Amino acid sequence: MSIIAILIDIITTGAYFFQAQSSMARPLLMVGTGFQILMTLVLLVMCFSYQGRRRHRYWTDTYHPFTFRFGIIALSFVVNALVAVLYVFNIMGINSVIFSR
């Protein structure tokens, strides 16, 4: 599953660069936003359906780290969710950090 999460990251990064180099047409941005949200939901399902070990066997008093494989999936979900929020902000005209017009 961690390899699938990495592949999803590569695909969504490619979609972002495609949109950044295009003419910034509104329908293309809407499709890109839907695609980013869809991939974020796929990663959310992967986080909850992960069958492997989620935590390392050791921990300190306050910190119990993720395993490497689950950490890749969780980090991929968090980053893609933040990018999806930036896409929505751009569509709504609140903030143009992700695509400067």
Protein backbone atom coordinates (compact mmCIF):
# COMPACT_ATOMS: atom_id res chain seq x y z
CA MET A 1 0.00 0.00 0.00
CA SER A 2 2.87 2.38 0.62
CA ILE A 3 4.00 2.00 -2.99
CA ILE A 4 0.46 2.81 -4.14
CA ALA A 5 0.57 5.95 -1.96
CA ILE A 6 3.86 6.98 -3.58
CA LEU A 7 2.36 6.38 -7.04
CA ILE A 8 -0.66 8.51 -6.13
CA ASP A 9 1.72 11.28 -5.06
CA ILE A 10 3.58 11.08 -8.37
CA ILE A 11 0.33 11.16 -10.35
CA THR A 12 -1.11 14.11 -8.42
CA THR A 13 2.18 15.99 -8.76
CA GLY A 14 2.08 15.40 -12.51
CA ALA A 15 -1.51 16.65 -12.63
CA TYR A 16 -0.49 19.78 -10.73
CA PHE A 17 2.38 20.54 -13.11
CA PHE A 18 0.09 19.92 -16.08
CA GLN A 19 -2.40 22.44 -14.72
CA ALA A 20 0.31 24.95 -13.82
CA GLN A 21 1.66 24.88 -17.39
CA SER A 22 -1.77 25.04 -19.05
CA SER A 23 -3.85 28.09 -19.87
CA MET A 24 -5.48 28.04 -16.39
CA ALA A 25 -8.98 27.56 -17.80
CA ARG A 26 -11.63 27.32 -15.09
CA PRO A 27 -13.03 23.93 -16.24
CA LEU A 28 -9.53 22.44 -16.11
CA LEU A 29 -9.07 23.76 -12.58
CA MET A 30 -12.41 22.24 -11.56
CA VAL A 31 -11.42 18.85 -12.96
CA GLY A 32 -8.05 19.10 -11.23
CA THR A 33 -9.71 19.95 -7.94
CA GLY A 34 -12.07 16.98 -8.26
CA PHE A 35 -9.15 14.71 -9.10
CA GLN A 36 -7.16 15.94 -6.09
CA ILE A 37 -10.12 15.43 -3.76
CA LEU A 38 -10.71 11.94 -5.20
CA MET A 39 -7.08 10.95 -4.64
CA THR A 40 -7.24 12.35 -1.10
CA LEU A 41 -10.29 10.20 -0.38
CA VAL A 42 -8.49 7.14 -1.79
CA LEU A 43 -5.58 7.84 0.58
CA LEU A 44 -8.00 8.26 3.49
CA VAL A 45 -9.49 4.84 2.74
CA MET A 46 -5.97 3.43 2.55
CA CYS A 47 -5.15 4.90 5.98
CA PHE A 48 -8.14 3.24 7.60
CA SER A 49 -7.88 -0.08 5.75
CA TYR A 50 -4.13 -0.56 6.36
CA GLN A 51 -3.67 -4.05 7.79
CA GLY A 52 -0.02 -3.85 8.84
CA ARG A 53 1.55 -2.66 12.03
CA ARG A 54 0.90 1.05 12.58
CA ARG A 55 3.24 1.84 15.48
CA HIS A 56 6.82 0.92 16.32
CA ARG A 57 7.42 -1.33 19.29
CA TYR A 58 9.41 1.28 21.17
CA TRP A 59 8.24 4.65 22.36
CA THR A 60 9.30 7.43 24.65
CA ASP A 61 7.14 8.96 27.36
CA THR A 62 5.14 11.12 24.98
CA TYR A 63 5.95 9.91 21.45
CA HIS A 64 4.96 6.62 19.84
CA PRO A 65 6.15 6.80 16.21
CA PHE A 66 4.49 5.30 13.14
CA THR A 67 6.10 2.46 11.25
CA PHE A 68 7.83 3.52 8.03
CA ARG A 69 5.19 2.03 5.73
CA PHE A 70 2.22 3.49 7.56
CA GLY A 71 4.06 6.80 7.92
CA ILE A 72 4.37 7.06 4.13
CA ILE A 73 0.62 6.53 3.72
CA ALA A 74 -0.28 8.97 6.53
CA LEU A 75 2.11 11.67 5.32
CA SER A 76 0.86 11.27 1.76
CA PHE A 77 -2.71 11.70 2.96
CA VAL A 78 -1.90 14.82 4.99
CA VAL A 79 0.01 16.50 2.17
CA ASN A 80 -2.65 15.68 -0.44
CA ALA A 81 -5.42 16.90 1.89
CA LEU A 82 -3.62 20.23 2.38
CA VAL A 83 -3.13 20.60 -1.37
CA ALA A 84 -6.82 19.78 -1.92
CA VAL A 85 -7.76 22.58 0.49
CA LEU A 86 -5.49 24.96 -1.44
CA TYR A 87 -7.19 23.91 -4.69
CA VAL A 88 -10.61 24.69 -3.18
CA PHE A 89 -9.36 28.04 -1.86
CA ASN A 90 -8.12 28.89 -5.34
CA ILE A 91 -11.43 27.95 -6.96
CA MET A 92 -13.35 30.06 -4.44
CA GLY A 93 -10.99 32.99 -4.92
CA ILE A 94 -9.95 33.09 -1.25
CA ASN A 95 -6.24 32.48 -1.77
CA SER A 96 -4.17 31.94 -4.90
CA VAL A 97 -1.14 30.28 -3.34
CA ILE A 98 -1.37 27.10 -5.41
CA PHE A 99 -1.96 28.81 -8.78
CA SER A 100 -1.11 32.47 -9.18
CA ARG A 101 -3.21 33.97 -11.95
